Amino acid sequence: MPLLSRSFLAQMEFRVVATGPLVDLSFAVKDLIDIAGHVTGCANPDWARSHPPAVAHAVCVEQCLQAGAVCLGKTLADELAFGLTGENAFYGTPLNPAAPDRVPGGSSSGSATAVAAGEADFALGTDTAGSIRLPASNCGVWGMRPSHGRISVAGVNPLAPGFDTVGAFARDGETLQRVMSLLLNVDPLPTVSGRLWLLQEGFDAVEPAVRGAFEPVMKRLAGSFPCREISLRGIDGEGGISGMDNWRQVFQPIQWAEIWSTLGSWIESARPALGERTRRNFELAKGLDRRLLVAALAQRERYRAALARFLGPEDLICFPTVHTPAPLKGSLGLDRTQGDYFPRVLARMAIAGIGRLPQISLPAVDVEGAPVGLSLLAAEGNDAFLLAAALGVAAALDD
């Protein structure tokens, strides 16, 4: 098959067993996840040169192979997974099949584009701060970040362990349910309904074109599901404080501190060549005032407890995955502190990260010729329900 999306860093094709629940599926693997006999390069040439081949498959790869799926190779990503655009200074930018003039989103860019281009039936990625959810939305495919700690990260290079997860992309909800149920070791549930809580800040803090595109979508869903509005202030009880950015300001210092604790020693000792945006990201992580951590960690637990109190077994929080269609290639500055794109994206992604919640982004609307996904979040550990409910939401949208 011609690789139209330029998603793959290394191609291969191997199968371990010829039977199993995924026997008819092929998959690709983000270059942060070990495949035995191959270097996990983390999409950076100096990392690849300085690390040996993996001696075993990552557990998530082994699960898929033992279920009968065929592995097709390693996919491109943002360097060391520290990025959200999918633009790699050394290997280039995978083509976003849904919007070729726009970035695919990252850091699991190649996994998303391989699925969107039909080059693989599903793909494994990692999600720390939106690295599955954002490219799924940008590329018009399904993507799921599971509850934190529910899928093994053994054999996956860490970024910020307190938020790191392994998830998957697929072109349809049924395939995503098959794959994620296997990785989560749960039985797939039949399609179910749920109670949709429309997050006010999630709908208000979007570009006007996105808001307009979602209005008929939400009217359609209201005909099939009980829908009510809720604000973050109604969840966390912080009266008088508005906006999603409060959650980002809790999430970001913890994430940056973990990133520098995890990768800072290698950055300082190896002095690797880095793309300019990646270099600046690590400078920000290194320069973090760690005195912020005490308050941020305490607030994270308060927010997490508030989400746990709010979300019942049939509750779903719902909002557009991103506030705007994918940016045009080359339109974003090299410093994430410039402009408001990165803070606005991270504010949305922080909710699931702080709450350790499962989140699915599913294709919903087109805005300016580019897709924007709809996100559904469920209670921590309620991953099987989320998968089944997302199928119900998709069916209602199709109707």
Protein backbone atom coordinates (compact mmCIF):
# COMPACT_ATOMS: atom_id res chain seq x y z
CA MET A 1 0.00 0.00 0.00
CA PRO A 2 1.43 3.44 -0.85
CA LEU A 3 2.03 5.40 2.31
CA LEU A 4 0.25 8.58 1.33
CA SER A 5 0.25 10.06 4.82
CA ARG A 6 4.01 9.81 5.47
CA SER A 7 3.05 8.44 8.88
CA PHE A 8 5.64 5.68 9.28
CA LEU A 9 9.20 5.95 10.53
CA ALA A 10 9.83 2.21 10.08
CA GLN A 11 7.78 -0.34 8.18
CA MET A 12 7.49 -4.03 9.00
CA GLU A 13 4.82 -6.70 8.92
CA PHE A 14 4.63 -9.48 11.42
CA ARG A 15 2.04 -11.61 13.14
CA VAL A 16 2.40 -13.76 16.25
CA VAL A 17 -0.81 -15.81 16.16
CA ALA A 18 -3.37 -16.49 13.44
CA THR A 19 -6.50 -16.42 15.59
CA GLY A 20 -7.98 -14.08 18.15
CA PRO A 21 -10.40 -11.18 18.58
CA LEU A 22 -8.29 -8.82 16.42
CA VAL A 23 -7.28 -11.33 13.74
CA ASP A 24 -8.67 -9.31 10.84
CA LEU A 25 -6.99 -6.05 11.86
CA SER A 26 -3.66 -4.36 11.15
CA PHE A 27 -2.10 -1.79 13.45
CA ALA A 28 0.67 0.77 13.74
CA VAL A 29 2.67 1.74 16.82
CA LYS A 30 3.83 5.18 17.96
CA ASP A 31 7.61 5.53 18.15
CA LEU A 32 7.41 5.82 21.91
CA ILE A 33 6.32 2.20 22.34
CA ASP A 34 8.71 -0.78 22.23
CA ILE A 35 8.72 -3.35 19.45
CA ALA A 36 11.24 -6.12 20.11
CA GLY A 37 14.38 -5.89 17.98
CA HIS A 38 13.76 -2.26 17.00
CA VAL A 39 15.04 0.94 18.56
CA THR A 40 12.35 3.05 20.15
CA GLY A 41 13.59 6.35 18.80
CA CYS A 42 11.04 8.69 20.38
CA ALA A 43 11.04 10.55 17.05
CA ASN A 44 14.43 12.15 17.79
CA PRO A 45 17.61 11.09 15.94
CA ASP A 46 19.94 11.52 18.92
CA TRP A 47 17.68 9.47 21.18
CA ALA A 48 17.56 6.75 18.52
CA ARG A 49 21.37 6.73 18.13
CA SER A 50 21.99 6.51 21.87
CA HIS A 51 19.56 3.74 22.80
CA PRO A 52 19.67 0.00 22.00
CA PRO A 53 16.92 -2.01 20.35
CA ALA A 54 14.10 -3.11 22.62
CA VAL A 55 14.47 -6.63 23.98
CA ALA A 56 10.73 -7.23 24.28
CA HIS A 57 7.47 -5.84 22.99
CA ALA A 58 5.65 -3.33 25.13
CA VAL A 59 2.79 -5.04 26.94
CA CYS A 60 0.17 -3.22 24.83
CA VAL A 61 1.86 -4.39 21.61
CA GLU A 62 2.03 -7.95 22.93
CA GLN A 63 -1.67 -7.85 23.75
CA CYS A 64 -2.55 -6.86 20.18
CA LEU A 65 -0.24 -9.43 18.61
CA GLN A 66 -1.52 -12.23 20.81
CA ALA A 67 -5.06 -11.24 19.76
CA GLY A 68 -4.15 -11.88 16.12
CA ALA A 69 -3.54 -8.34 14.82
CA VAL A 70 -0.74 -7.67 12.30
CA CYS A 71 1.82 -5.00 13.20
CA LEU A 72 2.81 -2.76 10.28
CA GLY A 73 5.46 -0.55 11.86
CA LYS A 74 6.44 2.50 13.88
CA THR A 75 4.79 5.88 13.37
CA LEU A 76 6.08 9.41 13.57
CA ALA A 77 5.46 11.69 16.54
CA ASP A 78 6.52 14.97 18.06
CA GLU A 79 10.03 14.64 19.48
CA LEU A 80 10.02 12.77 22.80
CA ALA A 81 6.22 13.25 22.75
CA PHE A 82 6.64 16.82 24.01
CA GLY A 83 4.44 18.60 21.49
CA LEU A 84 0.89 19.03 20.25
CA THR A 85 1.23 19.97 16.57
CA GLY A 86 2.69 16.86 14.93
CA GLU A 87 5.40 18.95 13.23
CA ASN A 88 8.76 17.20 13.61
CA ALA A 89 11.89 19.22 12.80
CA PHE A 90 13.85 16.12 11.70
CA TYR A 91 11.33 13.80 10.06
CA GLY A 92 8.72 16.23 8.81
CA THR A 93 4.99 16.46 9.34
CA PRO A 94 2.66 13.55 8.56
CA LEU A 95 -0.03 14.50 6.09
CA ASN A 96 -3.42 15.12 7.63
CA PRO A 97 -5.67 13.29 5.14
CA ALA A 98 -8.75 15.15 6.33
CA ALA A 99 -7.18 18.60 5.88
CA PRO A 100 -3.87 18.40 3.98
CA ASP A 101 -2.98 22.06 4.52
CA ARG A 102 -3.33 21.74 8.30
CA VAL A 103 -1.27 20.11 11.04
CA PRO A 104 -2.36 16.65 12.17
CA GLY A 105 -1.88 17.42 15.84
CA GLY A 106 0.41 15.58 18.20
CA SER A 107 2.18 14.09 19.72
CA SER A 108 0.67 10.86 18.31
CA SER A 109 0.57 12.39 14.84
CA GLY A 110 1.68 9.43 12.73
CA SER A 111 -0.68 7.02 14.46
CA ALA A 112 -3.64 9.32 13.78
CA THR A 113 -2.74 9.95 10.13
CA ALA A 114 -2.03 6.28 9.40
CA VAL A 115 -5.55 5.44 10.53
CA ALA A 116 -7.13 8.42 8.77
CA ALA A 117 -5.39 7.47 5.51
CA GLY A 118 -6.52 3.84 5.74
CA GLU A 119 -2.95 2.58 6.10
CA ALA A 120 -3.79 0.73 9.33
CA ASP A 121 -7.06 -0.39 10.88
CA PHE A 122 -6.04 0.97 14.25
CA ALA A 123 -2.98 2.50 15.84
CA LEU A 124 -1.53 2.71 19.32
CA GLY A 125 -0.57 6.07 20.74
CA THR A 126 0.13 7.73 24.04
CA ASP A 127 -1.79 10.57 25.65
CA THR A 128 -0.40 12.75 28.41
CA ALA A 129 -1.89 16.16 27.66
CA GLY A 130 -4.06 15.45 24.63
CA SER A 131 -1.72 13.51 22.35
CA ILE A 132 -4.47 11.14 21.20
CA ARG A 133 -7.54 13.31 21.63
CA LEU A 134 -6.19 16.31 19.69
CA PRO A 135 -4.93 14.47 16.57
CA ALA A 136 -8.10 12.34 16.56
CA SER A 137 -10.14 15.53 16.35
CA ASN A 138 -7.84 17.15 13.77
CA CYS A 139 -7.80 14.09 11.51
CA GLY A 140 -11.46 13.14 11.79
CA VAL A 141 -11.01 9.75 13.46
CA TRP A 142 -11.92 8.14 16.77
CA GLY A 143 -9.40 8.31 19.59
CA MET A 144 -9.50 7.26 23.23
CA ARG A 145 -7.46 8.11 26.28
CA PRO A 146 -8.32 5.52 28.98
CA SER A 147 -8.55 6.02 32.71
CA HIS A 148 -5.05 6.61 34.02
CA GLY A 149 -3.36 3.40 35.13
CA ARG A 150 -5.86 1.01 33.51
CA ILE A 151 -3.65 -0.02 30.55
CA SER A 152 -0.05 -1.10 31.11
CA VAL A 153 2.65 1.40 30.14
CA ALA A 154 5.42 -1.19 30.48
CA GLY A 155 7.68 -0.77 27.47
CA VAL A 156 6.45 2.78 26.81
CA ASN A 157 8.92 5.63 27.17
CA PRO A 158 7.63 7.94 29.91
CA LEU A 159 6.99 11.65 29.58
CA ALA A 160 4.99 12.69 32.66
CA PRO A 161 4.11 9.46 34.49
CA GLY A 162 1.34 11.01 36.57
CA PHE A 163 -0.61 11.62 33.35
CA ASP A 164 0.80 9.16 30.78
CA THR A 165 -1.66 6.72 29.21
CA VAL A 166 -1.72 4.30 26.26
CA GLY A 167 -4.74 4.49 23.98
CA ALA A 168 -5.78 3.91 20.39
CA PHE A 169 -7.14 5.41 17.18
CA ALA A 170 -9.64 3.84 14.78
CA ARG A 171 -11.81 4.99 11.89
CA ASP A 172 -15.01 3.71 13.51
CA GLY A 173 -16.33 3.23 17.00
CA GLU A 174 -16.82 -0.52 16.75
CA THR A 175 -13.13 -1.09 15.96
CA LEU A 176 -12.07 1.24 18.75
CA GLN A 177 -14.29 -0.66 21.17
CA ARG A 178 -12.76 -4.00 20.13
CA VAL A 179 -9.21 -2.74 20.57
CA MET A 180 -9.68 -0.78 23.77
CA SER A 181 -11.73 -3.56 25.41
CA LEU A 182 -8.83 -5.90 24.72
CA LEU A 183 -6.24 -3.51 26.14
CA LEU A 184 -8.42 -2.76 29.17
CA ASN A 185 -9.23 -6.45 29.70
CA VAL A 186 -12.98 -5.76 29.85
CA ASP A 187 -15.90 -7.27 27.98
CA PRO A 188 -17.43 -4.94 25.37
CA LEU A 189 -20.84 -3.68 26.43
CA PRO A 190 -23.80 -3.36 24.07
CA THR A 191 -24.58 0.16 22.95
CA VAL A 192 -26.05 2.08 25.88
CA SER A 193 -27.53 5.48 26.55
CA GLY A 194 -26.30 7.93 29.13
CA ARG A 195 -26.93 11.32 30.65
CA LEU A 196 -25.10 14.08 28.76
CA TRP A 197 -23.78 17.02 30.75
CA LEU A 198 -22.96 19.81 28.30
CA LEU A 199 -19.99 21.66 29.74
CA GLN A 200 -20.76 25.36 29.41
CA GLU A 201 -17.13 26.49 29.32
CA GLY A 202 -16.39 23.84 26.71
CA PHE A 203 -19.02 25.21 24.35
CA ASP A 204 -18.58 28.89 25.18
CA ALA A 205 -14.80 29.03 24.73
CA VAL A 206 -14.77 28.02 21.06
CA GLU A 207 -14.45 29.96 17.84
CA PRO A 208 -17.79 31.23 16.46
CA ALA A 209 -17.62 28.89 13.45
CA VAL A 210 -17.17 25.89 15.76
CA ARG A 211 -20.09 26.98 17.92
CA GLY A 212 -22.30 27.35 14.86
CA ALA A 213 -21.35 23.93 13.52
CA PHE A 214 -22.17 22.24 16.83
CA GLU A 215 -25.59 23.82 17.35
CA PRO A 216 -27.51 21.39 15.08
CA VAL A 217 -25.41 18.49 16.39
CA MET A 218 -26.39 19.16 19.97
CA LYS A 219 -30.05 19.61 19.02
CA ARG A 220 -29.92 16.18 17.40
CA LEU A 221 -28.37 14.64 20.51
CA ALA A 222 -30.96 16.29 22.73
CA GLY A 223 -33.60 14.30 20.86
CA SER A 224 -31.94 11.01 21.85
CA PHE A 225 -30.33 11.65 25.25
CA PRO A 226 -31.24 13.50 28.42
CA CYS A 227 -29.06 16.61 28.18
CA ARG A 228 -28.39 19.24 30.82
CA GLU A 229 -25.88 22.06 31.04
CA ILE A 230 -23.24 22.19 33.75
CA SER A 231 -20.33 24.52 34.42
CA LEU A 232 -16.99 23.68 35.92
CA ARG A 233 -17.97 25.93 38.81
CA GLY A 234 -20.97 23.71 39.36
CA ILE A 235 -18.60 20.74 39.58
CA ASP A 236 -15.72 22.15 41.61
CA GLY A 237 -17.73 24.62 43.70
CA GLU A 238 -15.38 27.53 43.14
CA GLY A 239 -18.03 30.22 42.90
CA GLY A 240 -17.02 33.46 41.27
CA ILE A 241 -14.17 31.91 39.28
CA SER A 242 -14.85 31.34 35.61
CA GLY A 243 -13.15 29.66 32.67
CA MET A 244 -11.35 26.39 31.95
CA ASP A 245 -7.91 27.97 32.27
CA ASN A 246 -7.88 27.42 36.04
CA TRP A 247 -7.62 23.70 35.35
CA ARG A 248 -4.72 24.25 32.94
CA GLN A 249 -2.89 26.27 35.58
CA VAL A 250 -3.13 23.28 37.91
CA PHE A 251 -2.25 20.69 35.27
CA GLN A 252 0.67 22.40 33.54
CA PRO A 253 3.17 22.89 36.39
CA ILE A 254 2.71 19.29 37.51
CA GLN A 255 3.19 18.05 33.95
CA TRP A 256 6.28 20.19 33.34
CA ALA A 257 7.84 19.16 36.65
CA GLU A 258 7.33 15.48 35.82
CA ILE A 259 8.71 15.92 32.29
CA TRP A 260 11.91 17.54 33.54
CA SER A 261 12.30 14.93 36.31
CA THR A 262 11.85 12.17 33.73
CA LEU A 263 13.88 13.45 30.77
CA GLY A 264 15.92 16.36 32.14
CA SER A 265 18.99 14.29 33.00
CA TRP A 266 19.26 12.99 29.44
CA ILE A 267 18.69 16.44 27.96
CA GLU A 268 21.43 17.94 30.15
CA SER A 269 23.97 15.14 29.71
CA ALA A 270 23.43 14.17 26.06
CA ARG A 271 22.87 17.71 24.77
CA PRO A 272 20.81 16.33 21.88
CA ALA A 273 19.87 18.20 18.76
CA LEU A 274 16.25 19.28 19.20
CA GLY A 275 13.80 21.10 17.01
CA GLU A 276 13.38 24.71 18.08
CA ARG A 277 9.87 24.23 19.49
CA THR A 278 10.92 21.11 21.40
CA ARG A 279 14.01 22.87 22.75
CA ARG A 280 11.87 25.75 23.97
CA ASN A 281 9.40 23.34 25.58
CA PHE A 282 12.18 21.74 27.60
CA GLU A 283 13.49 25.17 28.60
CA LEU A 284 10.06 25.99 29.98
CA ALA A 285 9.96 22.71 31.90
CA LYS A 286 13.46 23.27 33.28
CA GLY A 287 12.67 26.84 34.29
CA LEU A 288 9.47 26.01 36.15
CA ASP A 289 9.23 27.54 39.61
CA ARG A 290 8.78 24.32 41.56
CA ARG A 291 7.34 26.19 44.49
CA LEU A 292 4.12 26.18 42.44
CA LEU A 293 3.87 22.41 42.82
CA VAL A 294 2.64 22.29 46.41
CA ALA A 295 -0.49 24.30 45.66
CA ALA A 296 -1.01 22.66 42.25
CA LEU A 297 -0.85 19.13 43.67
CA ALA A 298 -3.30 19.98 46.43
CA GLN A 299 -5.69 21.61 43.95
CA ARG A 300 -5.45 18.63 41.61
CA GLU A 301 -6.74 16.35 44.35
CA ARG A 302 -9.59 18.73 45.14
CA TYR A 303 -10.59 18.86 41.47
CA ARG A 304 -10.28 15.10 41.12
CA ALA A 305 -12.49 14.53 44.17
CA ALA A 306 -15.06 16.98 42.79
CA LEU A 307 -15.21 15.08 39.48
CA ALA A 308 -15.57 11.79 41.35
CA ARG A 309 -18.50 13.18 43.34
CA PHE A 310 -20.20 14.57 40.24
CA LEU A 311 -19.85 11.72 37.77
CA GLY A 312 -22.24 8.84 38.35
CA PRO A 313 -22.16 5.49 36.53
CA GLU A 314 -24.29 6.77 33.61
CA ASP A 315 -22.98 10.35 33.39
CA LEU A 316 -21.04 11.79 30.46
CA ILE A 317 -19.41 15.21 30.26
CA CYS A 318 -19.61 16.50 26.69
CA PHE A 319 -17.91 19.34 24.78
CA PRO A 320 -16.06 20.01 21.50
CA THR A 321 -12.64 18.39 21.68
CA VAL A 322 -10.90 21.55 20.50
CA HIS A 323 -11.86 25.20 20.23
CA THR A 324 -10.81 25.59 16.60
CA PRO A 325 -10.01 23.48 13.54
CA ALA A 326 -6.40 22.33 13.17
CA PRO A 327 -4.07 25.28 12.51
CA LEU A 328 -2.52 25.70 9.08
CA LYS A 329 0.96 24.25 8.73
CA GLY A 330 3.63 26.68 9.81
CA SER A 331 1.15 29.10 11.36
CA LEU A 332 2.06 28.44 14.99
CA GLY A 333 5.03 30.10 16.61
CA LEU A 334 7.94 28.12 17.98
CA ASP A 335 7.24 29.29 21.54
CA ARG A 336 4.12 27.87 23.17
CA THR A 337 3.94 30.94 25.42
CA GLN A 338 3.16 33.06 22.34
CA GLY A 339 -0.47 33.25 21.31
CA ASP A 340 -3.37 31.44 22.91
CA TYR A 341 -3.64 28.23 20.87
CA PHE A 342 -1.68 25.97 23.21
CA PRO A 343 -3.19 27.29 26.47
CA ARG A 344 -6.71 26.92 25.08
CA VAL A 345 -6.06 23.35 23.93
CA LEU A 346 -4.44 22.35 27.22
CA ALA A 347 -7.30 23.84 29.23
CA ARG A 348 -9.64 21.33 27.56
CA MET A 349 -7.27 18.41 27.89
CA ALA A 350 -6.51 19.10 31.56
CA ILE A 351 -9.91 17.95 32.82
CA ALA A 352 -9.39 14.27 32.01
CA GLY A 353 -5.73 14.44 33.07
CA ILE A 354 -6.52 15.89 36.47
CA GLY A 355 -9.46 13.56 37.04
CA ARG A 356 -7.72 10.44 35.65
CA LEU A 357 -10.83 10.12 33.48
CA PRO A 358 -11.36 8.21 30.24
CA GLN A 359 -12.12 10.43 27.26
CA ILE A 360 -13.14 9.68 23.66
CA SER A 361 -13.03 12.10 20.76
CA LEU A 362 -15.31 11.05 17.92
CA PRO A 363 -15.84 12.73 14.53
CA ALA A 364 -18.65 15.28 14.71
CA VAL A 365 -18.49 18.35 12.44
CA ASP A 366 -16.52 20.03 9.67
CA VAL A 367 -15.48 23.65 10.14
CA GLU A 368 -13.77 25.56 7.32
CA GLY A 369 -13.16 22.25 5.55
CA ALA A 370 -11.51 20.60 8.56
CA PRO A 371 -12.91 18.18 11.16
CA VAL A 372 -13.58 18.97 14.81
CA GLY A 373 -14.39 16.14 17.20
CA LEU A 374 -16.89 15.80 20.02
CA SER A 375 -15.48 14.66 23.36
CA LEU A 376 -17.17 12.45 25.92
CA LEU A 377 -15.75 11.88 29.41
CA ALA A 378 -16.93 9.33 31.96
CA ALA A 379 -16.11 8.54 35.56
CA GLU A 380 -12.69 7.14 36.37
CA GLY A 381 -12.67 3.41 35.64
CA ASN A 382 -15.93 3.57 33.66
CA ASP A 383 -14.14 2.96 30.36
CA ALA A 384 -16.37 0.13 29.10
CA PHE A 385 -19.48 2.27 29.62
CA LEU A 386 -17.82 5.21 27.83
CA LEU A 387 -17.05 3.07 24.79
CA ALA A 388 -20.61 1.74 24.60
CA ALA A 389 -22.17 5.16 25.19
CA ALA A 390 -19.96 6.73 22.50
CA LEU A 391 -21.40 4.24 20.01
CA GLY A 392 -24.87 5.40 21.01
CA VAL A 393 -23.92 9.04 20.52
CA ALA A 394 -22.43 8.27 17.11
CA ALA A 395 -25.59 6.43 16.07
CA ALA A 396 -27.70 9.42 17.09
CA LEU A 397 -25.46 11.73 15.06
CA ASP A 398 -25.72 9.44 12.02
CA ASP A 399 -29.51 9.42 12.30
